Protein backbone atom coordinates (compact mmCIF):
# COMPACT_ATOMS: atom_id res chain seq x y z
CA UNK A 1 1.39 32.81 7.21
CA UNK A 2 0.15 31.99 10.82
CA UNK A 3 0.78 28.77 12.13
CA UNK A 4 -2.32 26.57 12.84
CA UNK A 5 -0.34 23.66 14.31
CA UNK A 6 2.89 23.40 16.32
CA UNK A 7 3.88 20.18 17.72
CA UNK A 8 7.36 20.74 19.89
CA UNK A 9 9.76 18.00 21.27
CA UNK A 10 7.33 15.14 20.63
CA UNK A 11 9.09 11.93 21.84
CA UNK A 12 7.12 8.49 22.07
CA UNK A 13 8.62 5.25 22.87
CA UNK A 14 7.52 1.47 22.63
CA UNK A 15 9.02 -1.41 24.25
CA UNK A 16 12.65 -1.85 22.78
CA UNK A 17 12.19 1.33 20.39
CA UNK A 18 11.98 4.88 20.20
CA UNK A 19 9.44 5.61 17.51
CA UNK A 20 9.89 9.70 17.77
CA UNK A 21 12.83 11.50 19.33
CA UNK A 22 12.15 15.17 19.70
CA UNK A 23 10.20 15.69 16.63
CA UNK A 24 8.89 19.33 15.86
CA UNK A 25 6.27 20.19 13.17
CA UNK A 26 5.01 23.28 12.23
CA UNK A 27 1.53 23.48 9.74
CA UNK A 28 0.59 26.88 8.29
CA UNK A 29 -2.73 27.76 8.03
CA UNK A 30 -4.50 26.99 4.55
CA UNK A 31 -1.41 24.95 3.22
CA UNK A 32 -0.90 21.43 2.00
CA UNK A 33 2.21 20.12 4.15
CA UNK A 34 3.72 16.85 3.11
CA UNK A 35 5.09 14.65 5.70
CA UNK A 36 7.71 12.19 4.14
CA UNK A 37 9.93 9.63 5.42
CA UNK A 38 11.17 5.91 4.96
CA UNK A 39 8.67 3.10 6.64
CA UNK A 40 9.41 3.27 10.24
CA UNK A 41 10.59 7.03 10.16
CA UNK A 42 7.94 7.84 12.67
CA UNK A 43 5.08 9.52 10.37
CA UNK A 44 2.27 7.60 11.20
CA UNK A 45 3.09 7.61 14.97
CA UNK A 46 3.42 11.33 14.92
CA UNK A 47 -0.08 11.57 13.49
CA UNK A 48 -1.66 9.36 15.78
CA UNK A 49 -0.36 11.47 18.69
CA UNK A 50 -1.73 14.36 16.90
CA UNK A 51 -5.36 12.74 16.50
CA UNK A 52 -5.40 11.50 20.02
CA UNK A 53 -4.96 7.83 19.21
CA UNK A 54 -1.90 8.07 21.38
CA UNK A 55 -3.19 10.41 24.08
CA UNK A 56 -1.94 12.97 26.00
CA UNK A 57 0.36 11.63 28.82
CA UNK A 58 1.50 8.70 26.45
CA UNK A 59 4.34 10.97 25.20
CA UNK A 60 6.66 13.77 25.73
CA UNK A 61 6.34 17.21 24.20
CA UNK A 62 3.74 19.75 23.33
CA UNK A 63 0.88 20.59 21.05
CA UNK A 64 -0.24 24.11 20.50
CA UNK A 65 -3.32 24.13 17.95
CA UNK A 66 -4.96 27.44 16.62
CA UNK A 67 -2.78 29.13 19.46
CA UNK A 68 -3.90 27.10 22.31
CA UNK A 69 -2.06 24.30 24.09
CA UNK A 70 -3.77 21.04 23.11
CA UNK A 71 -4.23 17.88 25.50
CA UNK A 72 -5.83 15.30 23.45
CA UNK A 73 -7.30 12.46 25.54
CA UNK A 74 -8.82 10.56 22.37
CA UNK A 75 -10.24 11.06 18.78
CA UNK A 76 -13.50 12.68 20.14
CA UNK A 77 -11.19 15.66 21.41
CA UNK A 78 -9.06 16.12 17.86
CA UNK A 79 -12.46 15.80 16.14
CA UNK A 80 -13.95 18.64 18.26
CA UNK A 81 -10.93 20.73 17.43
CA UNK A 82 -11.57 20.01 13.62
CA UNK A 83 -8.58 17.70 13.24
CA UNK A 84 -9.73 14.66 11.03
CA UNK A 85 -7.44 11.66 10.10
CA UNK A 86 -8.07 9.64 7.14
CA UNK A 87 -6.11 6.25 7.49
CA UNK A 88 -4.62 4.14 4.81
CA UNK A 89 -7.54 1.45 5.45
CA UNK A 90 -10.54 3.32 4.82
CA UNK A 91 -12.70 3.34 7.88
CA UNK A 92 -16.11 2.82 5.96
CA UNK A 93 -18.59 -0.16 5.94
CA UNK A 94 -19.45 -1.34 2.21
CA UNK A 95 -22.88 -2.85 3.18
CA UNK A 96 -24.06 0.65 4.31
CA UNK A 97 -25.26 3.53 1.96
CA UNK A 98 -23.04 6.54 1.53
CA UNK A 99 -25.12 8.65 3.82
CA UNK A 100 -24.93 6.36 6.61
CA UNK A 101 -21.18 5.88 6.21
CA UNK A 102 -20.88 10.01 6.12
CA UNK A 103 -22.94 10.48 9.26
CA UNK A 104 -22.08 7.17 11.07
CA UNK A 105 -21.27 8.17 14.84
CA UNK A 106 -22.16 11.75 13.81
CA UNK A 107 -25.68 11.23 13.42
CA UNK A 108 -28.21 13.72 12.64
CA UNK A 109 -30.99 12.80 15.17
CA UNK A 110 -33.37 14.21 17.64
CA UNK A 111 -34.64 12.17 20.80
CA UNK A 112 -32.82 9.14 19.26
CA UNK A 113 -34.54 9.35 15.95
CA UNK A 114 -32.39 9.79 12.78
CA UNK A 115 -33.96 12.84 10.45
CA UNK A 116 -33.36 10.91 7.04
CA UNK A 117 -34.71 13.92 4.95
CA UNK A 118 -32.03 16.14 6.51
CA UNK A 119 -29.32 13.45 6.23
CA UNK A 120 -30.00 13.11 2.44
CA UNK A 121 -30.00 16.65 1.91
CA UNK A 122 -26.86 17.29 3.66
CA UNK A 123 -25.19 14.33 1.87
CA UNK A 124 -25.98 15.39 -1.70
CA UNK A 125 -24.30 18.93 -0.48
CA UNK A 126 -21.32 17.15 0.55
CA UNK A 127 -20.96 14.77 -2.50
CA UNK A 128 -21.17 17.68 -4.71
CA UNK A 129 -18.25 19.45 -2.83
CA UNK A 130 -15.99 16.32 -3.41
CA UNK A 131 -17.22 16.11 -6.97
CA UNK A 132 -19.60 12.84 -6.46
CA UNK A 133 -22.93 12.78 -8.36
CA UNK A 134 -23.86 9.52 -6.71
CA UNK A 135 -27.10 9.03 -4.69
CA UNK A 136 -27.14 9.30 -1.18
CA UNK A 137 -28.79 5.74 -0.87
CA UNK A 138 -26.25 4.12 -2.90
CA UNK A 139 -24.59 1.16 -1.17
CA UNK A 140 -20.87 1.97 -0.75
CA UNK A 141 -19.77 -1.22 -1.80
CA UNK A 142 -21.17 -0.69 -5.27
CA UNK A 143 -18.66 2.37 -5.89
CA UNK A 144 -14.86 1.98 -6.56
CA UNK A 145 -12.01 2.55 -4.16
CA UNK A 146 -11.18 5.95 -5.67
CA UNK A 147 -14.68 7.52 -4.90
CA UNK A 148 -14.75 5.62 -1.42
CA UNK A 149 -11.59 7.94 -0.63
CA UNK A 150 -13.70 10.91 -1.52
CA UNK A 151 -16.43 9.67 0.52
CA UNK A 152 -13.95 9.80 3.44
CA UNK A 153 -13.14 13.33 2.84
CA UNK A 154 -16.71 14.09 2.63
CA UNK A 155 -17.08 12.53 5.87
CA UNK A 156 -14.51 14.79 7.43
CA UNK A 157 -16.23 17.71 5.95
CA UNK A 158 -19.43 16.56 7.49
CA UNK A 159 -17.43 16.92 10.80
CA UNK A 160 -16.29 20.59 9.96
CA UNK A 161 -12.97 19.72 9.22
CA UNK A 162 -9.96 22.57 9.70
CA UNK A 163 -7.09 20.24 9.71
CA UNK A 164 -7.26 17.03 7.25
CA UNK A 165 -4.54 14.17 7.85
CA UNK A 166 -4.32 11.93 4.81
CA UNK A 167 -2.25 8.77 5.25
CA UNK A 168 -1.18 7.16 1.93
CA UNK A 169 -4.41 8.15 0.43
CA UNK A 170 -3.62 7.54 -3.22
CA UNK A 171 -1.66 4.13 -2.47
CA UNK A 172 -4.53 1.94 -3.91
CA UNK A 173 -6.00 4.27 -6.66
CA UNK A 174 -4.95 4.27 -10.30
CA UNK A 175 -3.88 7.36 -11.92
CA UNK A 176 -7.01 9.05 -12.85
CA UNK A 177 -8.45 8.62 -9.10
CA UNK A 178 -5.16 9.98 -7.81
CA UNK A 179 -5.29 13.16 -9.83
CA UNK A 180 -8.96 13.72 -8.98
CA UNK A 181 -8.09 13.52 -5.08
CA UNK A 182 -4.93 15.58 -5.46
CA UNK A 183 -7.22 18.29 -7.36
CA UNK A 184 -9.73 18.30 -4.37
CA UNK A 185 -7.19 18.89 -2.04
CA UNK A 186 -6.18 21.99 -3.82
CA UNK A 187 -9.69 23.18 -4.02
CA UNK A 188 -10.17 22.57 -0.34
CA UNK A 189 -7.16 24.64 0.46
CA UNK A 190 -9.00 27.35 -1.60
CA UNK A 191 -11.62 27.12 0.96
CA UNK A 192 -9.44 27.54 3.83
CA UNK A 193 -8.93 23.72 4.86
CA UNK A 194 -5.48 22.94 5.84
CA UNK A 195 -3.92 19.43 4.85
CA UNK A 196 -1.12 17.15 6.04
CA UNK A 197 -0.22 14.52 3.33
CA UNK A 198 1.53 11.45 3.77
CA UNK A 199 2.60 9.82 0.82
CA UNK A 200 5.51 7.94 -0.71
CA UNK A 201 4.81 8.92 -4.07
CA UNK A 202 7.10 11.76 -4.60
CA UNK A 203 5.71 12.99 -7.73
CA UNK A 204 2.39 13.61 -6.27
CA UNK A 205 3.86 15.42 -3.32
CA UNK A 206 5.83 17.97 -5.34
CA UNK A 207 2.59 18.61 -7.55
CA UNK A 208 0.68 20.05 -4.51
CA UNK A 209 2.62 20.49 -1.52
CA UNK A 210 3.55 24.02 -0.34
CA UNK A 211 6.11 22.56 2.43
CA UNK A 212 7.54 18.97 2.92
CA UNK A 213 8.76 17.86 6.29
CA UNK A 214 11.22 14.99 6.11
CA UNK A 215 11.69 12.42 9.14
CA UNK A 216 14.16 9.93 9.37
CA UNK A 217 14.51 7.49 12.16
CA UNK A 218 11.99 9.27 14.37
CA UNK A 219 13.40 12.63 14.20
CA UNK A 220 13.21 15.74 12.00
CA UNK A 221 15.71 16.19 9.31
CA UNK A 222 14.34 19.01 7.42
CA UNK A 223 11.44 21.22 6.32
CA UNK A 224 11.54 22.38 2.50
CA UNK A 225 9.68 25.28 1.12
CA UNK A 226 8.45 24.22 -2.22
CA UNK A 227 7.79 27.99 -3.18
CA UNK A 228 11.28 29.47 -2.04
CA UNK A 229 13.27 26.84 -4.20
CA UNK A 230 12.90 24.22 -6.37
CA UNK A 231 12.78 20.94 -4.81
CA UNK A 232 13.90 17.83 -6.76
CA UNK A 233 12.82 14.18 -6.02
CA UNK A 234 16.43 13.21 -5.48
CA UNK A 235 16.77 16.06 -2.89
CA UNK A 236 13.87 14.71 -1.05
CA UNK A 237 15.27 10.82 -1.22
CA UNK A 238 18.54 12.22 0.00
CA UNK A 239 17.11 13.48 3.25
CA UNK A 240 14.59 10.53 3.39
CA UNK A 241 17.43 7.91 3.41
CA UNK A 242 20.40 9.83 4.44
CA UNK A 243 22.42 9.09 1.19
CA UNK A 244 22.33 9.93 -2.17
CA UNK A 245 20.09 7.18 -4.32
CA UNK A 246 21.31 8.01 -7.79
CA UNK A 247 19.32 5.47 -9.44
CA UNK A 248 15.83 4.01 -8.20
CA UNK A 249 16.35 0.78 -9.62
CA UNK A 250 19.53 -1.52 -9.02
CA UNK A 251 21.66 -2.67 -12.01
CA UNK A 252 21.02 -6.11 -13.38
CA UNK A 253 22.26 -7.89 -16.38
CA UNK A 254 19.97 -10.93 -16.63
CA UNK A 255 20.33 -13.70 -18.80
CA UNK A 256 17.13 -15.65 -18.96
CA UNK A 257 17.35 -19.25 -20.16
CA UNK A 258 14.81 -21.90 -20.76
CA UNK A 259 11.08 -21.61 -20.11
CA UNK A 260 10.40 -22.14 -16.44
CA UNK A 261 6.69 -21.84 -16.35
CA UNK A 262 4.19 -22.05 -19.19
CA UNK A 263 0.57 -21.12 -18.65
CA UNK A 264 -1.90 -22.00 -21.51
CA UNK A 265 -5.28 -21.09 -22.16
CA UNK A 266 -6.28 -19.99 -18.48
CA UNK A 267 -9.98 -19.15 -18.13
CA UNK A 268 -11.88 -18.16 -14.84
CA UNK A 269 -15.41 -17.37 -14.14
CA UNK A 270 -16.40 -14.91 -11.14
CA UNK A 271 -16.97 -16.81 -7.98
CA UNK A 272 -20.61 -15.24 -7.30
CA UNK A 273 -21.46 -13.95 -10.91
CA UNK A 274 -22.39 -17.16 -12.72
CA UNK A 275 -22.50 -15.08 -16.41
CA UNK A 276 -19.37 -12.98 -15.66
CA UNK A 277 -15.83 -14.34 -17.16
CA UNK A 278 -13.12 -12.82 -15.34
CA UNK A 279 -10.02 -14.25 -17.16
CA UNK A 280 -10.18 -15.14 -20.72
CA UNK A 281 -7.76 -17.38 -22.68
CA UNK A 282 -4.72 -16.20 -21.00
CA UNK A 283 -1.27 -17.63 -21.95
CA UNK A 284 2.07 -16.59 -21.11
CA UNK A 285 5.64 -17.92 -20.17
CA UNK A 286 8.34 -17.28 -17.56
CA UNK A 287 11.89 -18.09 -18.10
CA UNK A 288 14.55 -18.79 -15.65
CA UNK A 289 16.20 -15.91 -14.06
CA UNK A 290 13.83 -13.70 -15.83
CA UNK A 291 11.51 -10.82 -14.23
CA UNK A 292 7.98 -10.84 -16.00
CA UNK A 293 5.72 -7.66 -15.45
CA UNK A 294 1.76 -7.61 -15.85
CA UNK A 295 0.60 -4.08 -16.44
CA UNK A 296 -2.91 -2.89 -16.61
CA UNK A 297 -5.53 -0.54 -14.94
CA UNK A 298 -7.36 -1.56 -11.71
CA UNK A 299 -9.86 -3.90 -12.46
CA UNK A 300 -8.11 -5.54 -15.54
CA UNK A 301 -7.86 -9.01 -13.80
CA UNK A 302 -4.27 -9.03 -12.70
CA UNK A 303 -4.75 -10.05 -9.04
CA UNK A 304 -7.66 -12.42 -10.23
CA UNK A 305 -5.17 -14.20 -12.58
CA UNK A 306 -2.31 -14.68 -9.75
CA UNK A 307 -4.77 -15.93 -7.21
CA UNK A 308 -6.56 -18.29 -9.58
CA UNK A 309 -3.10 -19.63 -10.64
CA UNK A 310 -2.13 -19.94 -7.02
CA UNK A 311 -4.08 -23.10 -6.17
CA UNK A 312 -7.47 -21.75 -7.34
CA UNK A 313 -7.75 -19.43 -4.59
CA UNK A 314 -10.05 -17.12 -6.64
CA UNK A 315 -12.76 -17.98 -9.11
CA UNK A 316 -14.64 -21.00 -10.42
CA UNK A 317 -15.07 -23.28 -13.41
CA UNK A 318 -11.09 -22.59 -13.72
CA UNK A 319 -9.65 -24.27 -16.95
CA UNK A 320 -6.36 -24.30 -18.62
CA UNK A 321 -2.76 -25.74 -18.21
CA UNK A 322 0.24 -24.93 -16.13
CA UNK A 323 3.85 -26.35 -16.60
CA UNK A 324 6.53 -25.91 -14.26
CA UNK A 325 10.14 -27.15 -15.16
CA UNK A 326 8.80 -28.84 -18.47
CA UNK A 327 5.96 -31.04 -16.41
CA UNK A 328 2.44 -30.46 -16.29
CA UNK A 329 1.35 -29.52 -12.52
CA UNK A 330 -1.71 -29.66 -10.78
CA UNK A 331 -2.38 -26.43 -8.71
CA UNK A 332 -5.98 -27.28 -7.35
CA UNK A 333 -4.94 -26.07 -3.77
CA UNK A 334 -2.57 -23.80 -2.23
CA UNK A 335 -0.87 -26.79 -0.89
CA UNK A 336 -0.54 -28.45 -4.35
CA UNK A 337 0.70 -24.93 -5.67
CA UNK A 338 3.39 -24.54 -3.10
CA UNK A 339 4.38 -28.14 -3.97
CA UNK A 340 4.64 -27.57 -7.45
CA UNK A 341 7.20 -24.71 -6.93
CA UNK A 342 5.00 -21.53 -6.89
CA UNK A 343 4.37 -18.77 -4.34
CA UNK A 344 2.20 -15.98 -4.36
CA UNK A 345 2.74 -12.59 -2.35
CA UNK A 346 -0.37 -11.10 -2.13
CA UNK A 347 -0.99 -7.43 -2.69
CA UNK A 348 -2.74 -6.80 0.73
CA UNK A 349 0.01 -7.97 3.09
CA UNK A 350 -1.79 -7.23 6.17
CA UNK A 351 -5.21 -8.95 5.58
CA UNK A 352 -4.01 -11.89 3.46
CA UNK A 353 0.05 -12.14 3.71
CA UNK A 354 0.72 -12.07 7.50
CA UNK A 355 -0.59 -12.88 10.95
CA UNK A 356 -0.22 -9.58 12.38
CA UNK A 357 -0.44 -10.50 15.99
CA UNK A 358 2.09 -13.39 15.53
CA UNK A 359 5.75 -12.92 15.78
CA UNK A 360 8.25 -12.54 12.88
CA UNK A 361 9.45 -16.28 13.60
CA UNK A 362 6.03 -17.54 13.14
CA UNK A 363 5.28 -15.72 10.09
CA UNK A 364 8.37 -16.84 8.27
CA UNK A 365 8.13 -20.64 8.91
CA UNK A 366 4.18 -20.66 8.32
CA UNK A 367 4.38 -21.68 4.43
CA UNK A 368 6.99 -24.58 5.09
CA UNK A 369 6.36 -25.74 8.94
CA UNK A 370 7.48 -29.37 7.77
CA UNK A 371 10.97 -28.24 7.62
CA UNK A 372 11.11 -26.99 11.35
CA UNK A 373 9.13 -29.92 12.51
CA UNK A 374 10.12 -33.63 13.55
CA UNK A 375 7.16 -36.08 13.65
CA UNK A 376 4.51 -33.53 13.51
CA UNK A 377 6.31 -31.67 16.53
CA UNK A 378 7.51 -27.99 15.83
CA UNK A 379 11.34 -27.39 16.56
CA UNK A 380 11.36 -24.07 18.29
CA UNK A 381 15.26 -23.73 18.34
CA UNK A 382 15.17 -24.43 14.48
CA UNK A 383 12.52 -21.85 13.71
CA UNK A 384 14.25 -19.29 15.32
CA UNK A 385 17.39 -20.30 13.53
CA UNK A 386 15.61 -20.00 10.11
CA UNK A 387 14.11 -16.53 11.34
CA UNK A 388 17.62 -15.28 12.28
CA UNK A 389 18.89 -16.46 8.93
CA UNK A 390 16.04 -14.46 6.88
CA UNK A 391 16.27 -11.39 9.39
CA UNK A 392 20.00 -11.12 8.37
CA UNK A 393 19.69 -11.97 4.56
CA UNK A 394 16.69 -9.61 3.98
CA UNK A 395 17.86 -6.88 6.33
CA UNK A 396 14.61 -6.81 8.35
CA UNK A 397 14.79 -3.86 10.69
CA UNK A 398 13.75 -5.11 14.22
CA UNK A 399 15.21 -5.67 17.82
CA UNK A 400 14.54 -9.37 17.56
CA UNK A 401 12.45 -12.02 15.77
CA UNK A 402 10.28 -12.38 18.68
CA UNK A 403 8.66 -9.18 17.45
CA UNK A 404 5.05 -9.07 16.74
CA UNK A 405 4.65 -8.44 12.81
CA UNK A 406 2.03 -5.73 13.63
CA UNK A 407 4.80 -3.36 15.00
CA UNK A 408 7.11 -3.54 11.90
CA UNK A 409 6.96 -0.75 9.38
CA UNK A 410 5.48 -1.70 5.96
CA UNK A 411 8.57 -2.29 4.07
CA UNK A 412 9.76 -4.62 6.94
CA UNK A 413 6.53 -6.65 6.85
CA UNK A 414 6.97 -6.99 3.00
CA UNK A 415 10.30 -8.57 3.66
CA UNK A 416 8.73 -10.86 6.32
CA UNK A 417 6.16 -11.93 3.50
CA UNK A 418 9.08 -12.48 1.10
CA UNK A 419 11.06 -14.34 3.73
CA UNK A 420 8.04 -16.75 4.04
CA UNK A 421 7.91 -17.75 0.69
CA UNK A 422 11.32 -17.86 0.19
CA UNK A 423 11.64 -20.47 3.08
CA UNK A 424 9.46 -22.46 1.03
CA UNK A 425 11.86 -22.77 -1.78
CA UNK A 426 9.57 -21.88 -4.81
CA UNK A 427 10.80 -21.77 -8.36
CA UNK A 428 8.41 -19.35 -9.36
CA UNK A 429 7.41 -16.05 -7.27
CA UNK A 430 4.13 -13.96 -8.22
CA UNK A 431 4.72 -10.92 -6.60
CA UNK A 432 1.41 -8.85 -6.76
CA UNK A 433 2.36 -4.99 -5.98
CA UNK A 434 5.33 -5.89 -4.01
CA UNK A 435 6.26 -2.18 -3.08
CA UNK A 436 2.72 -0.82 -2.37
CA UNK A 437 2.70 1.61 0.61
CA UNK A 438 6.59 1.44 1.11
CA UNK A 439 9.11 4.14 0.88
CA UNK A 440 11.77 4.58 -2.00
CA UNK A 441 14.71 2.95 0.48
CA UNK A 442 12.92 -0.14 1.13
CA UNK A 443 11.44 -0.27 -2.55
CA UNK A 444 15.16 -0.49 -3.47
CA UNK A 445 15.83 -3.15 -1.23
CA UNK A 446 12.98 -5.27 -2.47
CA UNK A 447 13.98 -4.63 -6.30
CA UNK A 448 17.59 -6.14 -5.09
CA UNK A 449 15.98 -9.25 -3.71
CA UNK A 450 14.06 -9.61 -6.87
CA UNK A 451 17.24 -9.50 -8.75
CA UNK A 452 19.03 -11.90 -6.78
CA UNK A 453 16.15 -14.44 -7.08
CA UNK A 454 16.47 -14.01 -10.83
CA UNK A 455 20.29 -14.78 -10.56
CA UNK A 456 19.45 -17.85 -8.87
CA UNK A 457 17.80 -19.07 -11.68
CA UNK A 458 14.14 -18.47 -10.28
CA UNK A 459 11.40 -16.90 -12.23
CA UNK A 460 9.73 -13.69 -11.10
CA UNK A 461 6.19 -12.35 -12.01
CA UNK A 462 5.84 -8.89 -11.08
CA UNK A 463 2.21 -7.37 -11.07
CA UNK A 464 2.42 -3.45 -10.40
CA UNK A 465 0.12 -0.40 -10.97
CA UNK A 466 3.35 1.67 -11.25
CA UNK A 467 4.44 1.61 -14.81
CA UNK A 468 8.05 3.15 -13.95
CA UNK A 469 8.70 0.40 -11.60
CA UNK A 470 7.57 -2.28 -14.44
CA UNK A 471 9.83 -0.45 -16.92
CA UNK A 472 12.91 -0.16 -14.55
CA UNK A 473 12.52 -3.91 -13.40
CA UNK A 474 11.09 -6.39 -16.03
CA UNK A 475 12.84 -8.13 -18.92
CA UNK A 476 9.05 -8.69 -20.50
CA UNK A 477 6.02 -6.88 -19.91
CA UNK A 478 2.52 -8.31 -20.53
CA UNK A 479 -0.45 -5.99 -21.01
CA UNK A 480 -3.58 -6.80 -19.44
CA UNK A 481 -7.19 -5.45 -20.44
CA UNK A 482 -10.51 -6.74 -19.29
CA UNK A 483 -9.46 -10.25 -18.39
CA UNK A 484 -7.19 -10.42 -21.42
CA UNK A 485 -3.51 -10.29 -22.71
CA UNK A 486 -3.56 -7.69 -25.14
CA UNK A 487 0.08 -7.22 -25.97
CA UNK A 488 3.71 -8.32 -24.96
CA UNK A 489 6.68 -6.01 -24.92
CA UNK A 490 10.29 -6.70 -24.42
CA UNK A 491 12.34 -4.04 -22.10
CA UNK A 492 14.05 -2.33 -25.06
CA UNK A 493 10.60 -1.59 -26.86
CA UNK A 494 8.40 -0.97 -23.64
CA UNK A 495 7.38 2.35 -22.68
CA UNK A 496 4.50 3.89 -20.65
CA UNK A 497 2.93 5.25 -23.87
CA UNK A 498 3.19 2.14 -25.74
CA UNK A 499 1.59 0.29 -22.76
CA UNK A 500 -1.47 2.82 -22.35
CA UNK A 501 -2.12 2.80 -25.97
CA UNK A 502 -2.59 -1.06 -26.15
CA UNK A 503 -5.18 -0.51 -22.97
CA UNK A 504 -6.81 1.96 -24.93
CA UNK A 505 -6.93 0.15 -28.18
CA UNK A 506 -9.17 -2.45 -26.37
């Protein structure tokens, strides 16, 4: 096969860190090429170089595209060549229609006047290509995340894409939507479109990739040909982390004791739709030293339940009882929830879990400022001591604690979120998708932290869309469907099939 893209000797440095060190990548015409590695390995940085986000002159090395040297001064230059990148955080506007989103910045217009009939006609053609039957005038906010991902791909097709870069495209999708998207990539391949797929979901990588390039610590480790040999997940993991990871979940022998938290008859109504009840009569318990899972499809109410419990930060007309340590507690605000011994790690760490422009120090102490202040005045030296202690304990990979959180990898950002809440010394931690968008090595470290919290006698509630993760980590699993708990399984009796059968029966 002929090479569509060659990146040779790419080196990119930021203050205090070399993100890419002499990286080379060759992508053949018409293939799906997977790019994998731990968080911080340099995958996204390499793709930002390729897409012109980091322009020529800001890095060392050469890019050859379609046989010609490419000096990309910005995104406009890469898009002229048909190189389109779709980021994990979708670049769409929910309040605009699908048609408006498809052609925003690429308008079909003459003399400043948009030709709406042609816009709608082309939108229908593009939506059909990605398997959507929505009307062009449909508001984007009215369709699900899975369909929004397909709209992003249709938007790329509108720009005559030749090389499509997808950064964690299935991270926020449930199984059916993920499979639809992967199938679309295979169909685009048949039409000559080349793809670079960045993903931590190795089962999906092995399902569609022709070749896999592994990065580690900013350098190319290997390129694996999926058609020349059988590539196992263990082989990929070994190249990613530089060691054998014989098991995905750390050993644990927990011995849960008495009930630590009890929730009874919890009801929550939608914050805006007066006739919609989101959570209905939910009751559950969490014991000391126990990891309890909550399984369910996207939209089942798992996050709404967690947020409503944590200081009623979601919903209205909330009713029900919470007891922690055998005592009834009031959690009418986030401050009250923290004081009662509860913590909530949100599923969206970038939007709701961290202040990205602030330092690691400022983020870690945020939920317990009183502990590093005297008479309302912050003690900066004490703040630094606390941050350094958590940096070592949580193995946060950073040159120093004064780094902005924005510059950390996803796995290290998640460790900062956990550090923030552990500094508040909670008894019950609710972890909402704690390993979303992080690599297998960082996942293992998060799992080990969860086990340590259980050993300390805390209670951990784990919400996850990855059923193998729940099965590998939890002592008990509650199954949720349409705002209700429809089943409870002990670890010994739980399986993906049993969980799905409980959901389907509803």
